[in-house]
């Protein structure tokens, strides 16, 4: 009789412990269900790039004097400058200018050292395409300014990650609560 009572007591303790573990699992699930999403829905929501973001290069054809400083300071000699010498005015005349963004490392040297400021960095970072040869931009494609993320009415802009989980988030462990901090 005593073994039957102790067996029943042991069984009830194990059932209570199992119910406690299941309850802890449900609490973790409910905790995660009440949190805001941690992801950004990319095509519909975009982060506003920082002030000194190095995106696609913008080129102004009329300002360029074909000095080729951009080619000399580029670590990979990337910009292709085609010009001809006008003997009557003794000046170079720019015929074409192109940059292949499939090779560009976006270092910004060409923009920084350009004496006429005909090159500038834009906030455009969406350069994904199906054919890598389409990343070779000529002076016409480089001259187009992209639509600013702020001005695009079809996109929800997110100026910072403040709506994401900031502050304390309790981690889950068996023995104790661990506090994690996210910036």
Protein backbone atom coordinates (compact mmCIF):
# COMPACT_ATOMS: atom_id res chain seq x y z
CA UNK A 1 0.00 0.00 0.00
CA UNK A 2 2.85 2.36 0.88
CA UNK A 3 4.53 1.78 -2.49
CA UNK A 4 1.28 2.55 -4.30
CA UNK A 5 0.88 5.88 -2.44
CA UNK A 6 4.51 6.86 -3.05
CA UNK A 7 4.16 5.89 -6.74
CA UNK A 8 1.00 8.03 -7.01
CA UNK A 9 2.77 10.91 -5.27
CA UNK A 10 5.79 10.59 -7.61
CA UNK A 11 3.47 10.47 -10.64
CA UNK A 12 1.59 13.61 -9.51
CA UNK A 13 4.87 15.50 -8.94
CA UNK A 14 6.03 14.59 -12.45
CA UNK A 15 2.66 15.66 -13.90
CA UNK A 16 2.88 19.00 -12.09
CA UNK A 17 6.48 19.49 -13.30
CA UNK A 18 5.42 18.68 -16.90
CA UNK A 19 2.51 21.14 -16.64
CA UNK A 20 4.96 23.77 -15.35
CA UNK A 21 7.29 23.21 -18.35
CA UNK A 22 4.36 23.41 -20.77
CA UNK A 23 3.21 26.63 -19.07
CA UNK A 24 6.72 28.10 -19.41
CA UNK A 25 6.68 27.20 -23.11
CA UNK A 26 3.31 28.92 -23.58
CA UNK A 27 4.63 32.00 -21.77
CA UNK A 28 7.59 32.16 -24.18
CA UNK A 29 5.19 31.83 -27.11
CA UNK A 30 2.88 34.54 -25.78
CA UNK A 31 5.86 36.79 -25.09
CA UNK A 32 6.98 36.49 -28.72
CA UNK A 33 3.45 36.99 -30.05
CA UNK A 34 3.19 40.35 -28.27
CA UNK A 35 6.44 41.73 -29.73
CA UNK A 36 6.59 43.99 -32.75
CA UNK A 37 8.16 42.54 -35.89
CA UNK A 38 11.94 42.84 -36.06
CA UNK A 39 12.13 42.94 -39.86
CA UNK A 40 11.58 45.70 -42.37
CA UNK A 41 9.28 44.85 -45.26
CA UNK A 42 11.86 45.97 -47.83
CA UNK A 43 10.05 46.87 -51.03
CA UNK A 44 7.38 48.78 -49.12
CA UNK A 45 9.45 50.13 -46.23
CA UNK A 46 12.93 51.58 -46.63
CA UNK A 47 15.45 53.00 -44.23
CA UNK A 48 16.56 56.54 -44.97
CA UNK A 49 20.31 56.40 -45.71
CA UNK A 50 22.64 58.38 -43.49
CA UNK A 51 23.89 61.78 -44.53
CA UNK A 52 27.26 60.53 -45.82
CA UNK A 53 25.93 57.37 -47.49
CA UNK A 54 27.88 56.28 -50.57
CA UNK A 55 25.35 55.20 -53.16
CA UNK A 56 25.35 55.35 -56.95
CA UNK A 57 27.46 58.12 -58.49
CA UNK A 58 25.74 61.05 -60.21
CA UNK A 59 27.59 62.69 -63.11
CA UNK A 60 27.08 66.13 -64.64
CA UNK A 61 28.35 66.08 -68.22
CA UNK A 62 28.50 69.87 -68.66
CA UNK A 63 30.84 70.40 -65.71
CA UNK A 64 33.40 67.73 -66.67
CA UNK A 65 36.69 69.00 -68.14
CA UNK A 66 38.04 65.51 -68.98
CA UNK A 67 41.00 65.89 -66.65
CA UNK A 68 40.88 62.18 -65.74
CA UNK A 69 41.66 62.81 -62.07
CA UNK A 70 38.82 60.42 -61.21
CA UNK A 71 40.55 57.64 -63.15
CA UNK A 72 43.91 58.29 -61.48
CA UNK A 73 42.58 58.28 -57.92
CA UNK A 74 40.35 55.25 -58.43
CA UNK A 75 41.95 52.15 -56.87
CA UNK A 76 40.82 50.05 -59.83
CA UNK A 77 41.00 52.68 -62.64
CA UNK A 78 37.28 52.33 -63.15
CA UNK A 79 35.80 55.42 -64.84
CA UNK A 80 36.21 55.31 -68.60
CA UNK A 81 36.73 58.81 -69.97
CA UNK A 82 36.74 59.28 -73.74
CA UNK A 83 37.74 62.71 -74.98
CA UNK A 84 39.22 64.46 -77.99
CA UNK A 85 41.53 67.42 -78.17
CA UNK A 86 40.05 70.48 -79.87
CA UNK A 87 43.08 72.16 -81.40
CA UNK A 88 41.32 75.41 -82.25
CA UNK A 89 40.49 76.14 -78.59
CA UNK A 90 43.32 73.99 -77.14
CA UNK A 91 41.02 72.15 -74.76
CA UNK A 92 39.82 68.63 -74.25
CA UNK A 93 36.24 67.94 -75.16
CA UNK A 94 34.51 65.07 -73.40
CA UNK A 95 32.91 62.54 -75.75
CA UNK A 96 31.73 59.89 -73.30
CA UNK A 97 32.00 58.92 -69.65
CA UNK A 98 31.01 55.60 -68.07
CA UNK A 99 31.31 53.69 -64.82
CA UNK A 100 30.69 49.98 -64.32
CA UNK A 101 28.94 49.59 -60.94
CA UNK A 102 29.49 45.84 -61.05
CA UNK A 103 33.16 46.56 -60.38
CA UNK A 104 32.94 49.83 -58.41
CA UNK A 105 33.79 49.55 -54.71
CA UNK A 106 32.02 52.85 -53.84
CA UNK A 107 35.11 54.29 -52.14
CA UNK A 108 34.20 57.86 -53.10
CA UNK A 109 37.70 58.90 -54.21
CA UNK A 110 36.46 60.04 -57.62
CA UNK A 111 33.88 62.30 -55.99
CA UNK A 112 36.31 63.68 -53.41
CA UNK A 113 39.11 64.57 -55.83
CA UNK A 114 37.05 65.87 -58.78
CA UNK A 115 38.18 69.49 -59.31
CA UNK A 116 34.91 70.63 -60.92
CA UNK A 117 32.52 68.72 -58.61
CA UNK A 118 30.84 67.06 -61.57
CA UNK A 119 30.61 63.78 -59.59
CA UNK A 120 28.51 63.28 -56.48
CA UNK A 121 27.21 60.36 -54.45
CA UNK A 122 23.48 59.72 -54.37
CA UNK A 123 21.44 57.74 -51.87
CA UNK A 124 20.49 55.12 -54.47
CA UNK A 125 21.53 51.63 -53.39
CA UNK A 126 19.19 49.46 -55.45
CA UNK A 127 21.48 48.27 -58.20
CA UNK A 128 20.31 44.68 -58.47
CA UNK A 129 19.73 43.45 -62.02
CA UNK A 130 19.64 40.19 -63.96
CA UNK A 131 22.48 40.93 -66.39
CA UNK A 132 25.77 42.28 -65.02
CA UNK A 133 26.42 44.22 -68.24
CA UNK A 134 23.46 46.47 -67.41
CA UNK A 135 25.49 47.88 -64.49
CA UNK A 136 27.75 49.72 -66.95
CA UNK A 137 26.28 53.23 -66.78
CA UNK A 138 27.12 55.80 -69.44
CA UNK A 139 26.90 59.59 -69.03
CA UNK A 140 23.16 59.58 -69.75
CA UNK A 141 22.36 56.97 -67.08
CA UNK A 142 24.78 58.61 -64.64
CA UNK A 143 23.11 61.98 -65.23
CA UNK A 144 19.69 60.81 -64.05
CA UNK A 145 19.00 61.62 -60.43
CA UNK A 146 17.23 58.85 -58.51
CA UNK A 147 13.94 59.47 -56.73
CA UNK A 148 14.70 60.27 -53.12
CA UNK A 149 13.42 57.77 -50.59
CA UNK A 150 11.83 60.63 -48.66
CA UNK A 151 9.99 61.99 -51.73
CA UNK A 152 8.66 58.62 -52.92
CA UNK A 153 5.01 58.49 -51.85
CA UNK A 154 4.64 54.75 -52.47
CA UNK A 155 7.20 53.87 -49.80
CA UNK A 156 6.96 54.12 -46.03
CA UNK A 157 10.22 55.65 -44.86
CA UNK A 158 11.80 54.67 -41.59
CA UNK A 159 14.17 57.32 -40.31
CA UNK A 160 15.69 55.12 -37.64
CA UNK A 161 15.15 51.78 -36.01
CA UNK A 162 13.33 53.23 -33.00
CA UNK A 163 10.19 51.22 -33.63
CA UNK A 164 12.19 48.03 -33.39
CA UNK A 165 12.83 46.51 -30.00
CA UNK A 166 14.91 48.94 -28.01
CA UNK A 167 15.73 48.58 -24.37
CA UNK A 168 15.36 45.43 -22.36
CA UNK A 169 14.36 42.18 -23.91
CA UNK A 170 14.26 39.24 -21.55
CA UNK A 171 16.02 36.20 -22.83
CA UNK A 172 14.72 32.75 -22.04
CA UNK A 173 16.71 30.21 -20.15
CA UNK A 174 15.85 27.38 -17.81
CA UNK A 175 17.56 28.65 -14.68
CA UNK A 176 17.39 32.47 -14.77
CA UNK A 177 16.28 35.44 -16.83
CA UNK A 178 19.06 36.98 -18.90
CA UNK A 179 18.64 40.60 -19.97
CA UNK A 180 19.87 41.57 -23.44
CA UNK A 181 20.30 45.12 -24.65
CA UNK A 182 19.78 46.12 -28.28
CA UNK A 183 20.76 49.51 -29.63
